[in-house]
N, C-alpha and C. Protein backbone atom coordinates (compact mmCIF):
# COMPACT_ATOMS: atom_id res chain seq x y z
N UNK A 1 11.45 25.72 -3.45
CA UNK A 1 12.83 25.46 -3.75
C UNK A 1 13.75 26.49 -3.08
N UNK A 2 13.19 27.58 -2.69
CA UNK A 2 13.97 28.64 -2.04
C UNK A 2 13.42 28.84 -0.62
N UNK A 3 13.71 27.90 0.30
CA UNK A 3 13.07 27.92 1.61
C UNK A 3 13.34 29.18 2.43
N UNK A 4 14.48 29.81 2.24
CA UNK A 4 14.75 31.02 3.01
C UNK A 4 14.28 32.28 2.30
N UNK A 5 13.68 32.13 1.12
CA UNK A 5 13.06 33.22 0.35
C UNK A 5 13.98 34.42 0.14
N UNK A 6 15.24 34.13 -0.16
CA UNK A 6 16.18 35.23 -0.41
C UNK A 6 16.36 35.50 -1.90
N UNK A 7 15.49 34.90 -2.72
CA UNK A 7 15.53 35.05 -4.18
C UNK A 7 16.84 34.57 -4.80
N UNK A 8 17.54 33.71 -4.10
CA UNK A 8 18.75 33.08 -4.63
C UNK A 8 18.69 31.61 -4.26
N UNK A 9 18.85 30.76 -5.25
CA UNK A 9 18.83 29.33 -4.99
C UNK A 9 20.27 28.87 -4.79
N UNK A 10 20.53 28.48 -3.56
CA UNK A 10 21.86 28.00 -3.21
C UNK A 10 21.96 26.52 -3.54
N UNK A 11 23.19 26.03 -3.64
CA UNK A 11 23.41 24.65 -4.03
C UNK A 11 22.67 23.67 -3.12
N UNK A 12 22.76 23.86 -1.81
CA UNK A 12 22.10 22.93 -0.88
C UNK A 12 20.57 22.96 -1.05
N UNK A 13 20.01 24.12 -1.42
CA UNK A 13 18.56 24.20 -1.67
C UNK A 13 18.18 23.43 -2.93
N UNK A 14 19.00 23.58 -3.95
CA UNK A 14 18.76 22.85 -5.20
C UNK A 14 18.89 21.35 -4.97
N UNK A 15 19.92 20.96 -4.23
CA UNK A 15 20.12 19.55 -3.92
C UNK A 15 18.93 18.99 -3.15
N UNK A 16 18.44 19.71 -2.16
CA UNK A 16 17.28 19.27 -1.38
C UNK A 16 16.04 19.14 -2.26
N UNK A 17 15.87 20.06 -3.18
CA UNK A 17 14.72 19.99 -4.09
C UNK A 17 14.78 18.74 -4.96
N UNK A 18 15.96 18.41 -5.47
CA UNK A 18 16.11 17.21 -6.29
C UNK A 18 15.88 15.94 -5.47
N UNK A 19 16.38 15.92 -4.26
CA UNK A 19 16.17 14.76 -3.39
C UNK A 19 14.67 14.55 -3.16
N UNK A 20 13.95 15.63 -2.85
CA UNK A 20 12.50 15.53 -2.63
C UNK A 20 11.78 15.08 -3.89
N UNK A 21 12.21 15.59 -5.03
CA UNK A 21 11.54 15.24 -6.30
C UNK A 21 11.75 13.78 -6.67
N UNK A 22 12.88 13.21 -6.29
CA UNK A 22 13.19 11.83 -6.65
C UNK A 22 12.64 10.81 -5.67
N UNK A 23 12.16 11.27 -4.52
CA UNK A 23 11.62 10.34 -3.54
C UNK A 23 10.22 9.91 -3.95
N UNK A 24 9.95 8.64 -3.76
CA UNK A 24 8.62 8.11 -4.02
C UNK A 24 7.76 8.39 -2.80
N UNK A 25 6.59 8.94 -3.04
CA UNK A 25 5.73 9.23 -1.90
C UNK A 25 5.19 7.94 -1.29
N UNK A 26 4.84 8.01 -0.03
CA UNK A 26 4.28 6.84 0.65
C UNK A 26 3.01 6.37 -0.06
N UNK A 27 2.21 7.31 -0.53
CA UNK A 27 0.97 6.95 -1.23
C UNK A 27 1.27 6.15 -2.49
N UNK A 28 2.33 6.53 -3.22
CA UNK A 28 2.68 5.79 -4.44
C UNK A 28 3.11 4.37 -4.11
N UNK A 29 3.86 4.21 -3.04
CA UNK A 29 4.32 2.88 -2.63
C UNK A 29 3.14 2.01 -2.24
N UNK A 30 2.25 2.55 -1.41
CA UNK A 30 1.07 1.79 -0.97
C UNK A 30 0.19 1.45 -2.17
N UNK A 31 -0.01 2.41 -3.08
CA UNK A 31 -0.83 2.17 -4.27
C UNK A 31 -0.25 1.04 -5.11
N UNK A 32 1.05 1.01 -5.28
CA UNK A 32 1.69 -0.05 -6.06
C UNK A 32 1.52 -1.40 -5.37
N UNK A 33 1.68 -1.43 -4.05
CA UNK A 33 1.52 -2.69 -3.31
C UNK A 33 0.08 -3.20 -3.37
N UNK A 34 -0.87 -2.31 -3.16
CA UNK A 34 -2.28 -2.70 -3.21
C UNK A 34 -2.66 -3.14 -4.61
N UNK A 35 -2.17 -2.43 -5.61
CA UNK A 35 -2.46 -2.82 -7.00
C UNK A 35 -1.97 -4.22 -7.30
N UNK A 36 -0.78 -4.55 -6.85
CA UNK A 36 -0.24 -5.90 -7.07
C UNK A 36 -1.08 -6.94 -6.34
N UNK A 37 -1.52 -6.62 -5.14
CA UNK A 37 -2.35 -7.57 -4.39
C UNK A 37 -3.67 -7.82 -5.13
N UNK A 38 -4.28 -6.76 -5.65
CA UNK A 38 -5.53 -6.94 -6.39
C UNK A 38 -5.31 -7.74 -7.67
N UNK A 39 -4.19 -7.54 -8.34
CA UNK A 39 -3.90 -8.34 -9.54
C UNK A 39 -3.76 -9.81 -9.17
N UNK A 40 -3.14 -10.10 -8.04
CA UNK A 40 -3.02 -11.49 -7.59
C UNK A 40 -4.39 -12.08 -7.26
N UNK A 41 -5.23 -11.28 -6.62
CA UNK A 41 -6.60 -11.74 -6.31
C UNK A 41 -7.36 -12.00 -7.60
N UNK A 42 -7.24 -11.11 -8.57
CA UNK A 42 -7.91 -11.31 -9.86
C UNK A 42 -7.44 -12.60 -10.54
N UNK A 43 -6.14 -12.88 -10.47
CA UNK A 43 -5.63 -14.13 -11.06
C UNK A 43 -6.25 -15.34 -10.36
N UNK A 44 -6.30 -15.29 -9.03
CA UNK A 44 -6.91 -16.38 -8.27
C UNK A 44 -8.38 -16.55 -8.63
N UNK A 45 -9.08 -15.43 -8.75
CA UNK A 45 -10.50 -15.49 -9.11
C UNK A 45 -10.69 -16.11 -10.50
N UNK A 46 -9.80 -15.75 -11.41
CA UNK A 46 -9.89 -16.31 -12.76
C UNK A 46 -9.65 -17.81 -12.73
N UNK A 47 -8.66 -18.25 -11.96
CA UNK A 47 -8.38 -19.68 -11.84
C UNK A 47 -9.59 -20.42 -11.26
N UNK A 48 -10.22 -19.79 -10.26
CA UNK A 48 -11.38 -20.41 -9.60
C UNK A 48 -12.69 -20.12 -10.33
N UNK A 49 -12.60 -19.38 -11.46
CA UNK A 49 -13.77 -19.01 -12.27
C UNK A 49 -14.86 -18.34 -11.42
N UNK A 50 -14.42 -17.35 -10.65
CA UNK A 50 -15.33 -16.63 -9.77
C UNK A 50 -15.70 -15.28 -10.37
N UNK A 51 -16.96 -14.87 -10.17
CA UNK A 51 -17.40 -13.52 -10.49
C UNK A 51 -17.12 -12.66 -9.26
N UNK A 52 -17.05 -11.35 -9.46
CA UNK A 52 -16.77 -10.45 -8.34
C UNK A 52 -17.86 -10.55 -7.28
N UNK A 53 -19.11 -10.67 -7.70
CA UNK A 53 -20.20 -10.79 -6.72
C UNK A 53 -20.05 -12.06 -5.89
N UNK A 54 -19.62 -13.14 -6.52
CA UNK A 54 -19.37 -14.38 -5.77
C UNK A 54 -18.24 -14.19 -4.76
N UNK A 55 -17.24 -13.46 -5.18
CA UNK A 55 -16.10 -13.17 -4.31
C UNK A 55 -16.56 -12.41 -3.06
N UNK A 56 -17.37 -11.37 -3.26
CA UNK A 56 -17.86 -10.57 -2.13
C UNK A 56 -18.74 -11.42 -1.21
N UNK A 57 -19.64 -12.20 -1.80
CA UNK A 57 -20.51 -13.06 -1.00
C UNK A 57 -19.70 -14.07 -0.19
N UNK A 58 -18.64 -14.57 -0.77
CA UNK A 58 -17.79 -15.54 -0.08
C UNK A 58 -17.12 -14.89 1.14
N UNK A 59 -16.70 -13.64 1.01
CA UNK A 59 -16.02 -12.96 2.09
C UNK A 59 -16.98 -12.47 3.18
N UNK A 60 -18.23 -12.29 2.84
CA UNK A 60 -19.24 -11.78 3.78
C UNK A 60 -19.67 -12.90 4.73
N UNK A 61 -18.86 -13.15 5.75
CA UNK A 61 -19.06 -14.31 6.61
C UNK A 61 -20.34 -14.24 7.44
N UNK A 62 -20.82 -13.05 7.78
CA UNK A 62 -22.04 -12.98 8.57
C UNK A 62 -23.29 -12.81 7.71
N UNK A 63 -23.11 -12.71 6.38
CA UNK A 63 -24.24 -12.67 5.45
C UNK A 63 -25.08 -11.41 5.50
N UNK A 64 -24.55 -10.30 6.03
CA UNK A 64 -25.36 -9.08 6.13
C UNK A 64 -25.28 -8.19 4.89
N UNK A 65 -24.53 -8.60 3.88
CA UNK A 65 -24.45 -7.84 2.63
C UNK A 65 -23.37 -6.77 2.61
N UNK A 66 -22.62 -6.64 3.68
CA UNK A 66 -21.50 -5.69 3.72
C UNK A 66 -20.25 -6.42 4.21
N UNK A 67 -19.11 -5.85 3.87
CA UNK A 67 -17.83 -6.43 4.32
C UNK A 67 -17.20 -5.52 5.35
N UNK A 68 -16.93 -6.08 6.49
CA UNK A 68 -16.16 -5.34 7.50
C UNK A 68 -14.68 -5.54 7.16
N UNK A 69 -13.85 -4.73 7.77
CA UNK A 69 -12.40 -4.89 7.60
C UNK A 69 -11.97 -6.28 8.04
N UNK A 70 -12.55 -6.72 9.14
CA UNK A 70 -12.22 -8.04 9.67
C UNK A 70 -12.62 -9.15 8.68
N UNK A 71 -13.82 -9.06 8.11
CA UNK A 71 -14.27 -10.08 7.15
C UNK A 71 -13.36 -10.10 5.93
N UNK A 72 -12.99 -8.92 5.45
CA UNK A 72 -12.12 -8.84 4.27
C UNK A 72 -10.77 -9.47 4.58
N UNK A 73 -10.17 -9.09 5.68
CA UNK A 73 -8.86 -9.61 6.05
C UNK A 73 -8.91 -11.13 6.26
N UNK A 74 -9.89 -11.60 7.02
CA UNK A 74 -10.00 -13.03 7.30
C UNK A 74 -10.31 -13.82 6.03
N UNK A 75 -11.19 -13.29 5.19
CA UNK A 75 -11.54 -13.97 3.95
C UNK A 75 -10.35 -14.11 3.01
N UNK A 76 -9.59 -13.04 2.89
CA UNK A 76 -8.41 -13.09 2.02
C UNK A 76 -7.38 -14.07 2.56
N UNK A 77 -7.18 -14.05 3.87
CA UNK A 77 -6.19 -14.96 4.45
C UNK A 77 -6.61 -16.42 4.31
N UNK A 78 -7.89 -16.70 4.38
CA UNK A 78 -8.31 -18.09 4.34
C UNK A 78 -8.57 -18.63 2.94
N UNK A 79 -8.83 -17.74 1.98
CA UNK A 79 -9.22 -18.23 0.65
C UNK A 79 -8.23 -17.96 -0.47
N UNK A 80 -7.29 -17.05 -0.27
CA UNK A 80 -6.40 -16.67 -1.37
C UNK A 80 -4.95 -16.70 -0.94
N UNK A 81 -4.10 -17.13 -1.85
CA UNK A 81 -2.67 -17.23 -1.54
C UNK A 81 -1.98 -15.89 -1.33
N UNK A 82 -2.40 -14.76 -1.97
CA UNK A 82 -1.66 -13.52 -1.74
C UNK A 82 -1.83 -12.95 -0.34
N UNK A 83 -2.85 -13.38 0.39
CA UNK A 83 -3.17 -12.75 1.67
C UNK A 83 -2.01 -12.74 2.66
N UNK A 84 -1.23 -13.82 2.80
CA UNK A 84 -0.14 -13.75 3.77
C UNK A 84 0.87 -12.65 3.47
N UNK A 85 0.94 -12.21 2.22
CA UNK A 85 1.88 -11.15 1.86
C UNK A 85 1.35 -9.78 2.27
N UNK A 86 0.05 -9.68 2.50
CA UNK A 86 -0.55 -8.39 2.82
C UNK A 86 -0.23 -8.02 4.26
N UNK A 87 0.02 -6.75 4.46
CA UNK A 87 0.28 -6.25 5.80
C UNK A 87 -0.88 -5.36 6.22
N UNK A 88 -1.20 -5.37 7.47
CA UNK A 88 -2.21 -4.45 7.98
C UNK A 88 -1.64 -3.04 7.95
N UNK A 89 -2.52 -2.06 8.01
CA UNK A 89 -2.07 -0.66 8.03
C UNK A 89 -1.16 -0.40 9.22
N UNK A 90 -1.47 -1.01 10.34
CA UNK A 90 -0.64 -0.81 11.53
C UNK A 90 0.77 -1.35 11.31
N UNK A 91 0.88 -2.50 10.68
CA UNK A 91 2.20 -3.08 10.42
C UNK A 91 2.98 -2.21 9.45
N UNK A 92 2.31 -1.69 8.40
CA UNK A 92 2.99 -0.81 7.44
C UNK A 92 3.48 0.45 8.15
N UNK A 93 2.63 1.01 9.01
CA UNK A 93 3.01 2.23 9.72
C UNK A 93 4.21 1.95 10.63
N UNK A 94 4.20 0.82 11.30
CA UNK A 94 5.30 0.44 12.18
C UNK A 94 6.59 0.30 11.38
N UNK A 95 6.53 -0.35 10.22
CA UNK A 95 7.71 -0.50 9.37
C UNK A 95 8.20 0.86 8.87
N UNK A 96 7.25 1.75 8.56
CA UNK A 96 7.60 3.08 8.07
C UNK A 96 8.35 3.85 9.15
N UNK A 97 7.88 3.77 10.38
CA UNK A 97 8.54 4.46 11.48
C UNK A 97 9.95 3.93 11.66
N UNK A 98 10.12 2.61 11.60
CA UNK A 98 11.45 2.01 11.74
C UNK A 98 12.37 2.47 10.63
N UNK A 99 11.85 2.54 9.38
CA UNK A 99 12.70 2.91 8.25
C UNK A 99 13.07 4.38 8.28
N UNK A 100 12.29 5.23 8.93
CA UNK A 100 12.63 6.65 9.00
C UNK A 100 13.86 6.89 9.86
N UNK A 101 14.17 5.96 10.73
CA UNK A 101 15.33 6.12 11.59
C UNK A 101 16.63 5.78 10.88
N UNK A 102 16.55 5.21 9.69
CA UNK A 102 17.74 4.87 8.93
C UNK A 102 18.18 6.07 8.11
N UNK A 103 19.47 6.28 7.93
CA UNK A 103 19.94 7.42 7.13
C UNK A 103 19.57 7.24 5.66
N UNK A 104 19.22 8.36 5.01
CA UNK A 104 18.82 8.31 3.61
C UNK A 104 20.02 8.11 2.68
N UNK A 105 21.17 8.65 3.06
CA UNK A 105 22.35 8.54 2.22
C UNK A 105 23.51 8.00 3.02
N UNK A 106 24.44 7.39 2.35
CA UNK A 106 25.64 6.88 3.02
C UNK A 106 26.85 7.57 2.45
C-alpha cells in the first residue's frame, strides 16, 4: 500500500490500493465462467440421465480411455447446448488483451 516506502500513505496510494482490492482477479472470472458451464453440463446430463462415466466414454472419440483437449471440446460442442457459449483459452486471452486497452475509469 506504500509503494514508495516513505512510511506515509498518500491519498493516491490509498486510492490505488482500494482500486486493486475491488478488482476481480482474472482467475475468479474464469472460475465463475467454468463453474457455470459445468452446472449447465450437469443439468444436461441429468436430463439425459447420464452417469459421469458414460459422459466421459461418450466424449472419448478414439476409445483410448483418455480425453484430449480436442475430444473434450468437440464432444461438448456436438452433444451439449452450453458448448457454443464456451470460449477457448486463446479466445479468452485475446478478449482480455483487447479489454486492457480500454480505460478503467471515465
